[in-house]
């Protein structure tokens, strides 16, 4: 099942501090400095996330016994912790289950919090200052029984199974991603890796699809470009058309917004032209930044319409502060498979639950 995806296009323009917008989207930023947006991308489209100078980004997800993670990475450091899969025990302690280090030989070394080396890639498999697409299929195990497979640019560069693949004092699970560093609990050394990250996806290994490597993919934000005719909310700020209030990068909070408190009221929008590097579509996510204004329960739903068939999410609870939700549509509302034409002609939006 596809759990999360991010192309880092909607948080800020080149060299902007994107901490606040990423926090709204659920990221944790415990590093000393702030992540930046960069237009240094592998495809020349959109933005990536730049991490340097003691920056650190984490993302929490549901606890899983096996995951597949893919992301594009460009390391400007010759050594340091690029990426980690962690387990938060729910009581404030986080364990390092799998840590990937840029190892000084243009390769990656995978370890656990025990500092046991699980495996490493051949030299020159992960070249410094070059964009690579990295995919990890991982089953944590504190004893023999784990699995680790790694692809770089579509080629399997290491594969081990039936071995110890996680921290010996933690249970066999993961529920957090970490980029740019990993703080070992027995030292103040953070092992930072200056890097850029883009085109992230996260799956578990359950279900009939999205349970294995997805391949070298791109993840892009496509913004509304016109009202679709069902636009029932009140508009505050923005330009002509309701869509003009929701295309700010980053979202501008109470400066311009759409609002309603009437169940069933709906906003729908058409989409701007897909980037040219999107040649096929595996899945679509609708991201909505929202808050409630007042006490009591406030819920909304994400909406997507394809071929006149509407797909609504389950109700999403709004909070007093702005938060960004993500609803993933692995298949179109009418079933079948996504394609570029179906997405280009889709309408996306939201409604009051």
Protein backbone atom coordinates (compact mmCIF):
# COMPACT_ATOMS: atom_id res chain seq x y z
CA UNK A 1 0.00 0.00 0.00
CA UNK A 2 1.23 3.46 -0.86
CA UNK A 3 1.55 5.42 2.41
CA UNK A 4 3.04 8.76 1.36
CA UNK A 5 4.64 10.64 -1.50
CA UNK A 6 6.25 14.06 -1.86
CA UNK A 7 7.88 15.98 -4.67
CA UNK A 8 8.80 18.99 -2.46
CA UNK A 9 7.34 21.43 -5.04
CA UNK A 10 4.76 23.19 -2.86
CA UNK A 11 6.80 24.40 0.12
CA UNK A 12 8.77 27.32 -1.30
CA UNK A 13 10.73 28.81 -4.18
CA UNK A 14 14.46 28.47 -4.79
CA UNK A 15 16.56 28.99 -1.62
CA UNK A 16 13.48 29.72 0.51
CA UNK A 17 13.25 28.51 4.11
CA UNK A 18 10.56 25.80 3.89
CA UNK A 19 10.48 24.75 7.56
CA UNK A 20 7.03 26.09 8.40
CA UNK A 21 5.29 24.64 5.33
CA UNK A 22 6.95 21.25 5.87
CA UNK A 23 5.90 21.23 9.52
CA UNK A 24 2.31 21.89 8.39
CA UNK A 25 2.65 18.79 6.19
CA UNK A 26 3.67 16.65 9.18
CA UNK A 27 7.46 16.74 9.00
CA UNK A 28 9.55 17.08 12.15
CA UNK A 29 12.54 19.43 11.98
CA UNK A 30 14.75 18.72 15.01
CA UNK A 31 17.93 19.95 13.31
CA UNK A 32 19.81 23.09 14.30
CA UNK A 33 19.14 24.84 10.99
CA UNK A 34 16.33 24.88 8.43
CA UNK A 35 15.63 23.02 5.17
CA UNK A 36 15.65 25.02 1.95
CA UNK A 37 13.95 24.69 -1.40
CA UNK A 38 16.28 24.29 -4.36
CA UNK A 39 15.73 24.31 -8.12
CA UNK A 40 18.68 21.94 -8.51
CA UNK A 41 16.65 18.90 -9.58
CA UNK A 42 17.49 15.86 -11.67
CA UNK A 43 14.81 16.62 -14.26
CA UNK A 44 15.00 20.42 -14.24
CA UNK A 45 11.34 20.57 -13.13
CA UNK A 46 9.96 21.79 -9.81
CA UNK A 47 11.96 21.89 -6.60
CA UNK A 48 13.87 19.59 -4.27
CA UNK A 49 14.63 19.79 -0.55
CA UNK A 50 18.12 20.91 0.40
CA UNK A 51 19.61 19.87 3.75
CA UNK A 52 22.92 21.25 5.02
CA UNK A 53 24.64 22.73 8.06
CA UNK A 54 23.15 20.49 10.78
CA UNK A 55 19.70 20.17 9.21
CA UNK A 56 17.60 17.11 9.95
CA UNK A 57 14.14 16.08 8.68
CA UNK A 58 11.89 13.30 10.01
CA UNK A 59 8.50 11.99 8.90
CA UNK A 60 6.33 9.68 11.01
CA UNK A 61 4.03 7.03 9.56
CA UNK A 62 2.07 4.03 10.76
CA UNK A 63 4.19 1.26 12.27
CA UNK A 64 5.02 -1.35 9.66
CA UNK A 65 6.83 -4.68 9.70
CA UNK A 66 8.22 -4.14 6.18
CA UNK A 67 8.54 -1.11 3.94
CA UNK A 68 9.73 0.06 0.54
CA UNK A 69 11.15 3.57 0.31
CA UNK A 70 12.25 5.39 -2.82
CA UNK A 71 13.75 8.85 -3.22
CA UNK A 72 16.11 10.81 -5.41
CA UNK A 73 19.24 11.97 -3.62
CA UNK A 74 22.29 14.06 -4.37
CA UNK A 75 24.95 14.08 -1.67
CA UNK A 76 27.47 16.90 -1.54
CA UNK A 77 29.22 15.21 1.39
CA UNK A 78 31.65 12.33 0.94
CA UNK A 79 30.67 10.85 4.33
CA UNK A 80 27.71 11.08 6.70
CA UNK A 81 24.30 9.58 7.42
CA UNK A 82 22.10 10.16 4.37
CA UNK A 83 18.97 8.35 5.48
CA UNK A 84 17.56 6.27 8.34
CA UNK A 85 14.51 4.19 9.15
CA UNK A 86 13.58 4.56 12.80
CA UNK A 87 11.20 3.07 15.35
CA UNK A 88 9.57 5.40 17.87
CA UNK A 89 8.29 3.28 20.75
CA UNK A 90 5.49 5.74 21.53
CA UNK A 91 7.10 6.71 24.82
CA UNK A 92 9.61 9.25 23.55
CA UNK A 93 12.46 6.90 22.63
CA UNK A 94 13.48 6.42 19.01
CA UNK A 95 15.68 3.55 17.84
CA UNK A 96 17.86 3.49 14.75
CA UNK A 97 16.75 0.37 12.89
CA UNK A 98 18.54 1.04 9.59
CA UNK A 99 21.03 3.82 8.82
CA UNK A 100 22.51 4.46 5.37
CA UNK A 101 25.89 6.19 5.40
CA UNK A 102 27.73 7.76 2.49
CA UNK A 103 30.96 5.90 3.15
CA UNK A 104 33.80 7.82 1.51
CA UNK A 105 34.10 5.40 -1.43
CA UNK A 106 31.22 6.79 -3.48
CA UNK A 107 29.07 4.07 -1.96
CA UNK A 108 26.60 3.44 0.83
CA UNK A 109 27.04 1.39 4.00
CA UNK A 110 23.97 0.16 5.89
CA UNK A 111 24.18 -0.30 9.65
CA UNK A 112 21.98 -0.53 12.75
CA UNK A 113 22.09 1.46 15.98
CA UNK A 114 24.28 -1.36 17.31
CA UNK A 115 26.85 -0.15 14.74
CA UNK A 116 26.69 -3.56 13.07
CA UNK A 117 27.29 -3.37 9.34
CA UNK A 118 24.49 -5.15 7.48
CA UNK A 119 25.89 -4.68 3.97
CA UNK A 120 27.43 -2.10 1.69
CA UNK A 121 27.23 -1.27 -1.97
CA UNK A 122 30.17 -1.58 -4.35
CA UNK A 123 32.37 1.53 -4.63
CA UNK A 124 31.15 4.21 -7.06
CA UNK A 125 27.54 3.03 -6.86
CA UNK A 126 26.46 6.31 -5.24
CA UNK A 127 28.63 9.07 -6.63
CA UNK A 128 28.98 12.34 -4.74
CA UNK A 129 27.47 15.42 -6.44
CA UNK A 130 25.36 13.31 -8.81
CA UNK A 131 21.60 12.72 -8.62
CA UNK A 132 20.76 9.05 -8.03
CA UNK A 133 17.45 7.28 -7.45
CA UNK A 134 17.68 5.12 -4.33
CA UNK A 135 15.15 2.42 -3.39
CA UNK A 136 15.21 0.31 -0.22
CA UNK A 137 13.11 -2.77 0.48
CA UNK A 138 13.43 -3.50 4.17
CA UNK A 139 12.19 -5.98 6.76
CA UNK A 140 13.63 -5.21 10.21
CA UNK A 141 14.66 -8.05 12.46
CA UNK A 142 16.73 -7.87 15.67
CA UNK A 143 17.80 -11.46 15.00
CA UNK A 144 18.31 -13.56 11.88
CA UNK A 145 15.26 -13.18 9.66
CA UNK A 146 15.54 -9.67 8.24
CA UNK A 147 15.77 -8.52 4.63
CA UNK A 148 17.51 -5.63 2.90
CA UNK A 149 17.50 -5.01 -0.85
CA UNK A 150 18.80 -1.79 -2.36
CA UNK A 151 18.41 -0.43 -5.88
CA UNK A 152 20.33 2.52 -7.23
CA UNK A 153 19.15 3.92 -10.56
CA UNK A 154 17.10 0.79 -11.20
CA UNK A 155 19.84 -1.76 -10.51
CA UNK A 156 19.98 -3.98 -7.43
CA UNK A 157 23.32 -3.21 -5.79
CA UNK A 158 22.91 -5.32 -2.66
CA UNK A 159 20.56 -7.98 -1.37
CA UNK A 160 20.75 -9.83 1.96
CA UNK A 161 18.17 -11.91 3.79
CA UNK A 162 17.93 -14.15 6.81
CA UNK A 163 20.21 -11.84 8.80
CA UNK A 164 19.99 -9.31 11.62
CA UNK A 165 18.81 -6.03 10.10
CA UNK A 166 17.69 -3.86 13.04
CA UNK A 167 18.66 -2.65 16.49
CA UNK A 168 18.94 -5.55 18.93
CA UNK A 169 17.01 -3.79 21.71
CA UNK A 170 14.01 -2.73 19.62
CA UNK A 171 11.05 -4.68 18.31
CA UNK A 172 10.83 -5.51 14.62
CA UNK A 173 9.11 -2.47 13.12
CA UNK A 174 9.64 0.99 11.63
CA UNK A 175 7.53 4.14 11.76
CA UNK A 176 9.80 7.09 10.92
CA UNK A 177 11.95 8.32 8.03
CA UNK A 178 14.97 10.50 8.73
CA UNK A 179 17.08 12.44 6.21
CA UNK A 180 20.53 14.04 6.48
CA UNK A 181 21.67 12.63 9.81
CA UNK A 182 21.13 10.11 12.54
CA UNK A 183 21.74 10.97 16.19
CA UNK A 184 23.31 8.06 17.97
CA UNK A 185 22.10 8.00 21.60
CA UNK A 186 25.54 7.37 23.06
CA UNK A 187 27.26 10.38 21.48
CA UNK A 188 26.66 13.98 20.45
CA UNK A 189 28.06 13.26 16.99
CA UNK A 190 25.19 13.70 14.53
CA UNK A 191 26.96 12.40 11.39
CA UNK A 192 25.37 15.01 9.11
CA UNK A 193 25.30 14.55 5.37
CA UNK A 194 24.74 17.64 3.22
CA UNK A 195 22.31 16.50 0.55
CA UNK A 196 19.28 17.20 -1.63
CA UNK A 197 16.20 14.96 -1.60
CA UNK A 198 13.39 14.70 -4.16
CA UNK A 199 10.68 12.37 -5.54
CA UNK A 200 9.93 10.48 -2.32
CA UNK A 201 7.55 7.55 -2.01
CA UNK A 202 6.83 5.24 0.91
CA UNK A 203 5.00 1.90 0.75
CA UNK A 204 4.48 -0.99 3.08
CA UNK A 205 4.57 -4.50 1.64
CA UNK A 206 0.86 -5.25 2.07
CA UNK A 207 -1.94 -5.35 -0.49
CA UNK A 208 -2.08 -6.35 -4.13
CA UNK A 209 -0.19 -3.31 -5.45
CA UNK A 210 2.35 -0.69 -4.35
CA UNK A 211 4.05 -3.36 -2.24
CA UNK A 212 7.46 -3.52 -3.94
CA UNK A 213 9.90 -1.31 -5.85
CA UNK A 214 8.08 1.31 -7.93
CA UNK A 215 11.14 2.17 -9.99
CA UNK A 216 12.77 5.48 -10.83
CA UNK A 217 9.75 7.79 -10.47
CA UNK A 218 9.07 11.52 -10.28
CA UNK A 219 6.62 13.12 -7.86
CA UNK A 220 5.33 16.54 -8.91
CA UNK A 221 2.81 19.03 -7.56
CA UNK A 222 0.23 20.09 -10.15
CA UNK A 223 -1.76 23.15 -9.09
CA UNK A 224 -5.33 24.28 -9.87
CA UNK A 225 -5.55 26.64 -12.83
CA UNK A 226 -9.30 27.41 -12.98
CA UNK A 227 -12.57 26.99 -11.14
CA UNK A 228 -14.48 23.92 -12.33
CA UNK A 229 -17.97 25.32 -11.79
CA UNK A 230 -18.74 23.81 -8.40
CA UNK A 231 -17.30 26.49 -6.18
CA UNK A 232 -19.56 27.03 -3.18
CA UNK A 233 -17.21 28.42 -0.54
CA UNK A 234 -16.82 32.10 0.39
CA UNK A 235 -13.63 33.66 -0.95
CA UNK A 236 -11.33 35.91 1.07
CA UNK A 237 -8.38 37.52 -0.69
CA UNK A 238 -6.70 36.17 -3.79
CA UNK A 239 -7.36 37.22 -7.36
CA UNK A 240 -10.26 36.61 -9.73
CA UNK A 241 -11.48 33.04 -9.30
CA UNK A 242 -11.52 30.83 -6.22
CA UNK A 243 -8.49 28.88 -7.44
CA UNK A 244 -6.35 32.00 -7.03
CA UNK A 245 -6.66 31.76 -3.24
CA UNK A 246 -5.08 28.27 -3.02
CA UNK A 247 -2.10 28.33 -5.40
CA UNK A 248 0.33 30.20 -3.16
CA UNK A 249 3.73 28.58 -2.62
CA UNK A 250 3.98 28.26 0.31
CA UNK A 251 0.34 28.49 1.50
CA UNK A 252 -0.28 32.03 2.80
CA UNK A 253 -2.53 31.19 5.76
CA UNK A 254 -5.24 33.77 6.47
CA UNK A 255 -4.11 36.15 3.74
CA UNK A 256 -6.26 34.35 1.16
CA UNK A 257 -8.53 31.39 1.75
CA UNK A 258 -11.87 29.70 1.04
CA UNK A 259 -14.30 29.02 3.87
CA UNK A 260 -17.62 27.32 4.59
CA UNK A 261 -19.44 25.66 7.48
CA UNK A 262 -22.24 24.05 5.47
CA UNK A 263 -22.16 20.28 4.99
CA UNK A 264 -21.89 19.27 1.36
CA UNK A 265 -20.56 22.59 0.07
CA UNK A 266 -17.86 21.80 -2.48
CA UNK A 267 -14.92 23.38 -4.31
CA UNK A 268 -13.61 21.82 -7.54
CA UNK A 269 -10.79 22.95 -9.82
CA UNK A 270 -9.19 21.96 -13.09
CA UNK A 271 -5.46 21.28 -13.23
CA UNK A 272 -2.54 23.02 -14.90
CA UNK A 273 -0.62 21.21 -17.62
CA UNK A 274 1.33 18.20 -16.39
CA UNK A 275 5.12 18.59 -16.44
CA UNK A 276 6.72 17.11 -19.55
CA UNK A 277 8.69 14.54 -17.55
CA UNK A 278 5.45 12.82 -16.49
CA UNK A 279 4.95 10.15 -19.15
CA UNK A 280 2.76 7.80 -17.12
CA UNK A 281 0.95 8.01 -13.78
CA UNK A 282 1.05 5.42 -11.02
CA UNK A 283 -1.01 7.22 -8.35
CA UNK A 284 -2.46 10.62 -7.48
CA UNK A 285 -2.54 12.45 -4.13
CA UNK A 286 -4.76 15.38 -3.21
CA UNK A 287 -3.13 17.65 -0.62
CA UNK A 288 -5.26 20.16 1.32
CA UNK A 289 -4.10 22.77 3.83
CA UNK A 290 -6.95 23.60 6.21
CA UNK A 291 -7.90 24.69 9.70
CA UNK A 292 -11.14 25.20 11.65
CA UNK A 293 -12.17 28.60 13.03
CA UNK A 294 -13.94 28.04 16.33
CA UNK A 295 -14.73 25.31 18.84
CA UNK A 296 -16.41 22.03 18.05
CA UNK A 297 -15.72 19.39 15.42
CA UNK A 298 -14.87 20.48 11.90
CA UNK A 299 -14.33 17.91 9.15
CA UNK A 300 -13.77 18.05 5.41
CA UNK A 301 -13.14 15.57 2.59
CA UNK A 302 -10.71 15.50 -0.30
CA UNK A 303 -12.40 15.12 -3.70
CA UNK A 304 -11.26 13.99 -7.12
CA UNK A 305 -13.49 13.60 -10.19
CA UNK A 306 -12.52 11.60 -13.28
CA UNK A 307 -14.86 10.76 -16.18
CA UNK A 308 -17.72 12.32 -14.16
CA UNK A 309 -17.17 9.84 -11.30
CA UNK A 310 -16.46 11.41 -7.92
CA UNK A 311 -14.17 9.91 -5.30
CA UNK A 312 -14.39 11.35 -1.78
CA UNK A 313 -12.00 10.65 1.07
CA UNK A 314 -13.09 9.67 4.53
CA UNK A 315 -13.73 12.73 6.74
CA UNK A 316 -10.57 14.58 7.79
CA UNK A 317 -10.58 16.43 11.11
CA UNK A 318 -9.47 20.07 11.00
CA UNK A 319 -7.49 21.63 13.84
CA UNK A 320 -7.25 25.27 15.01
CA UNK A 321 -3.90 25.59 13.20
CA UNK A 322 -3.26 24.97 9.52
CA UNK A 323 -2.26 21.40 8.70
CA UNK A 324 -1.80 19.75 5.31
CA UNK A 325 -3.51 16.40 4.74
CA UNK A 326 -2.73 13.97 1.94
CA UNK A 327 -5.30 11.62 0.41
CA UNK A 328 -3.81 9.05 -1.97
CA UNK A 329 -5.84 7.59 -4.83
CA UNK A 330 -4.05 4.44 -5.95
CA UNK A 331 -6.72 3.95 -8.62
CA UNK A 332 -9.19 6.39 -10.24
CA UNK A 333 -12.66 6.69 -8.67
CA UNK A 334 -14.14 4.53 -11.42
CA UNK A 335 -11.47 1.84 -11.12
CA UNK A 336 -8.83 0.75 -13.60
CA UNK A 337 -5.47 2.45 -13.89
CA UNK A 338 -4.28 6.04 -14.03
CA UNK A 339 -2.89 7.58 -17.21
CA UNK A 340 -1.78 11.10 -18.10
CA UNK A 341 -4.98 11.94 -20.00
CA UNK A 342 -7.19 10.90 -17.09
CA UNK A 343 -5.18 13.03 -14.66
CA UNK A 344 -4.97 16.02 -16.98
CA UNK A 345 -8.75 16.09 -17.33
CA UNK A 346 -9.46 15.41 -13.66
CA UNK A 347 -10.98 17.87 -11.23
CA UNK A 348 -9.69 18.05 -7.66
CA UNK A 349 -10.96 19.82 -4.59
CA UNK A 350 -12.63 19.46 -1.21
CA UNK A 351 -15.99 19.58 0.51
CA UNK A 352 -17.42 20.07 3.98
CA UNK A 353 -18.19 16.66 5.46
